[in-house]
Every structure is written in C-alpha cells, then in structure tokens.
Amino acid sequence: MEYVYGALLLHKTGQAVSEVNLTKVIQATGSSVDEAKVKVLVASLKDVDIAKELESATLMASQPQATAAAEKKEEKKEEKASEAAEGLSALFG
C-alpha cells in the first residue's frame, strides 16, 4: 500500500510517477524497496490519468451517502403513514 501512497504523493506534488521517484519516496520513509513492486506499479499507472481516477473515486464515495439520506427520508414517510393508520383503527376499533 505504501507504494500506492507514494505514487499518489508524487502525483499530488506534480512530479512524474517514475521508478526513480517512487524508489526515492519509499526510501525516504525508511522502508526497504521492492524493485519488482515499483516496476509493476509504474507500469500499471503508465496510461492512467490519476486525476480523473481520483475524481471518479470521490464521486463514487459520495453517491452512497446521498442514497442513504434518501432512504432515511422514505422510512420516515412510511412510519408516519403507519402511525396514522393505527390512530384511525383506534377510532373505529
């Protein structure tokens, strides 16, 4: 996971996500560097627009919250309807 964080840090600071830069970031944390992981991550991110992917991830993360809020509103409406029905049954009970 630290390799992904390193790539995100490089992206955030406007530096290229390269093997050399990512290795420097990992070394700066005091961790030992696995060159295979560095190569795989850099190769995987070669044609990826990181900014676009982060924006998409942010939109996807906020969507469930909006859905949950809408569901809560629907539950409240259903509760009011059932309470009203119980009150009417008491009148005719």
C-alpha atoms as a PDB file:
ATOM      1  CA  MET A   1       0.000   0.000   0.000  1.00  0.00           C
ATOM      2  CA  GLU A   2       2.902   2.342   0.695  1.00  0.00           C
ATOM      3  CA  TYR A   3       3.814   2.168  -2.995  1.00  0.00           C
ATOM      4  CA  VAL A   4       0.364   3.420  -3.999  1.00  0.00           C
ATOM      5  CA  TYR A   5       0.581   6.174  -1.382  1.00  0.00           C
ATOM      6  CA  GLY A   6       3.978   7.119  -2.762  1.00  0.00           C
ATOM      7  CA  ALA A   7       2.572   7.324  -6.287  1.00  0.00           C
ATOM      8  CA  LEU A   8      -0.292   9.493  -5.054  1.00  0.00           C
ATOM      9  CA  LEU A   9       2.153  11.762  -3.235  1.00  0.00           C
ATOM     10  CA  LEU A  10       4.236  12.150  -6.376  1.00  0.00           C
ATOM     11  CA  HIS A  11       1.099  12.964  -8.370  1.00  0.00           C
ATOM     12  CA  LYS A  12      -0.065  15.496  -5.767  1.00  0.00           C
ATOM     13  CA  THR A  13       3.281  17.304  -5.860  1.00  0.00           C
ATOM     14  CA  GLY A  14       3.274  17.392  -9.657  1.00  0.00           C
ATOM     15  CA  GLN A  15       6.220  15.047 -10.104  1.00  0.00           C
ATOM     16  CA  ALA A  16       6.342  12.168 -12.551  1.00  0.00           C
ATOM     17  CA  VAL A  17       5.433   8.748 -11.206  1.00  0.00           C
ATOM     18  CA  SER A  18       8.625   7.008 -12.291  1.00  0.00           C
ATOM     19  CA  GLU A  19      10.660   4.155 -10.888  1.00  0.00           C
ATOM     20  CA  VAL A  20      13.381   6.537  -9.703  1.00  0.00           C
ATOM     21  CA  ASN A  21      10.991   8.967  -7.995  1.00  0.00           C
ATOM     22  CA  LEU A  22       8.894   6.242  -6.394  1.00  0.00           C
ATOM     23  CA  THR A  23      12.017   4.490  -5.109  1.00  0.00           C
ATOM     24  CA  LYS A  24      13.197   7.753  -3.528  1.00  0.00           C
ATOM     25  CA  VAL A  25       9.837   8.257  -1.796  1.00  0.00           C
ATOM     26  CA  ILE A  26       9.817   4.721  -0.387  1.00  0.00           C
ATOM     27  CA  GLN A  27      13.430   5.037   0.766  1.00  0.00           C
ATOM     28  CA  ALA A  28      12.600   8.356   2.453  1.00  0.00           C
ATOM     29  CA  THR A  29      10.112   6.550   4.674  1.00  0.00           C
ATOM     30  CA  GLY A  30      12.835   4.215   5.918  1.00  0.00           C
ATOM     31  CA  SER A  31      11.279   1.146   4.315  1.00  0.00           C
ATOM     32  CA  SER A  32      13.165  -1.300   2.144  1.00  0.00           C
ATOM     33  CA  VAL A  33      12.279  -1.025  -1.530  1.00  0.00           C
ATOM     34  CA  ASP A  34      10.957  -3.986  -3.503  1.00  0.00           C
ATOM     35  CA  GLU A  35      12.030  -3.132  -7.059  1.00  0.00           C
ATOM     36  CA  ALA A  36       9.510  -5.579  -8.543  1.00  0.00           C
ATOM     37  CA  LYS A  37       6.608  -3.789  -6.851  1.00  0.00           C
ATOM     38  CA  VAL A  38       7.932  -0.428  -8.025  1.00  0.00           C
ATOM     39  CA  LYS A  39       8.196  -1.629 -11.624  1.00  0.00           C
ATOM     40  CA  VAL A  40       4.738  -3.215 -11.607  1.00  0.00           C
ATOM     41  CA  LEU A  41       3.071  -0.124 -10.146  1.00  0.00           C
ATOM     42  CA  VAL A  42       4.792   2.299 -12.510  1.00  0.00           C
ATOM     43  CA  ALA A  43       3.919   0.088 -15.490  1.00  0.00           C
ATOM     44  CA  SER A  44       0.307  -0.157 -14.293  1.00  0.00           C
ATOM     45  CA  LEU A  45      -0.014   3.606 -13.959  1.00  0.00           C
ATOM     46  CA  LYS A  46       1.684   4.387 -17.279  1.00  0.00           C
ATOM     47  CA  ASP A  47      -1.500   5.161 -19.240  1.00  0.00           C
ATOM     48  CA  VAL A  48      -3.741   6.102 -16.301  1.00  0.00           C
ATOM     49  CA  ASP A  49      -4.996   9.649 -15.749  1.00  0.00           C
ATOM     50  CA  ILE A  50      -4.643   9.706 -11.970  1.00  0.00           C
ATOM     51  CA  ALA A  51      -6.552  12.986 -11.542  1.00  0.00           C
ATOM     52  CA  LYS A  52      -9.532  11.607 -13.450  1.00  0.00           C
ATOM     53  CA  GLU A  53      -9.489   8.359 -11.456  1.00  0.00           C
ATOM     54  CA  LEU A  54      -9.357  10.248  -8.148  1.00  0.00           C
ATOM     55  CA  GLU A  55     -12.306  12.401  -9.209  1.00  0.00           C
ATOM     56  CA  SER A  56     -14.276   9.313 -10.181  1.00  0.00           C
ATOM     57  CA  ALA A  57     -13.456   7.661  -6.850  1.00  0.00           C
ATOM     58  CA  THR A  58     -14.621  10.754  -4.975  1.00  0.00           C
ATOM     59  CA  LEU A  59     -17.922  10.792  -6.851  1.00  0.00           C
ATOM     60  CA  MET A  60     -18.469   7.099  -6.183  1.00  0.00           C
ATOM     61  CA  ALA A  61     -17.723   7.558  -2.476  1.00  0.00           C
ATOM     62  CA  SER A  62     -20.246  10.384  -2.105  1.00  0.00           C
ATOM     63  CA  GLN A  63     -23.015   8.602  -4.002  1.00  0.00           C
ATOM     64  CA  PRO A  64     -23.842   6.021  -1.281  1.00  0.00           C
ATOM     65  CA  GLN A  65     -24.202   8.809   1.272  1.00  0.00           C
ATOM     66  CA  ALA A  66     -26.796  10.558  -0.875  1.00  0.00           C
ATOM     67  CA  THR A  67     -28.644   7.284  -1.401  1.00  0.00           C
ATOM     68  CA  ALA A  68     -28.667   6.570   2.333  1.00  0.00           C
ATOM     69  CA  ALA A  69     -30.115  10.013   3.061  1.00  0.00           C
ATOM     70  CA  ALA A  70     -32.910   9.456   0.537  1.00  0.00           C
ATOM     71  CA  GLU A  71     -33.700   6.060   2.080  1.00  0.00           C
ATOM     72  CA  LYS A  72     -33.967   7.612   5.551  1.00  0.00           C
ATOM     73  CA  LYS A  73     -36.485  10.148   4.245  1.00  0.00           C
ATOM     74  CA  GLU A  74     -38.574   7.345   2.733  1.00  0.00           C
ATOM     75  CA  GLU A  75     -38.506   5.401   6.010  1.00  0.00           C
ATOM     76  CA  LYS A  76     -39.791   8.426   7.930  1.00  0.00           C
ATOM     77  CA  LYS A  77     -42.685   8.838   5.498  1.00  0.00           C
ATOM     78  CA  GLU A  78     -43.616   5.162   5.866  1.00  0.00           C
ATOM     79  CA  GLU A  79     -43.538   5.430   9.666  1.00  0.00           C
ATOM     80  CA  LYS A  80     -45.894   8.423   9.617  1.00  0.00           C
ATOM     81  CA  ALA A  81     -48.325   6.586   7.352  1.00  0.00           C
ATOM     82  CA  SER A  82     -48.386   3.520   9.603  1.00  0.00           C
ATOM     83  CA  GLU A  83     -48.878   5.704  12.716  1.00  0.00           C
ATOM     84  CA  ALA A  84     -51.820   7.425  11.055  1.00  0.00           C
ATOM     85  CA  ALA A  85     -53.389   4.065  10.183  1.00  0.00           C
ATOM     86  CA  GLU A  86     -53.062   2.916  13.796  1.00  0.00           C
ATOM     87  CA  GLY A  87     -54.792   6.081  15.003  1.00  0.00           C
ATOM     88  CA  LEU A  88     -57.708   5.541  12.627  1.00  0.00           C
ATOM     89  CA  SER A  89     -58.151   1.946  13.746  1.00  0.00           C
ATOM     90  CA  ALA A  90     -58.494   3.155  17.330  1.00  0.00           C
ATOM     91  CA  LEU A  91     -61.386   5.389  16.284  1.00  0.00           C
ATOM     92  CA  PHE A  92     -63.277   2.564  14.612  1.00  0.00           C
ATOM     93  CA  GLY A  93     -61.997  -0.212  16.889  1.00  0.00           C
END
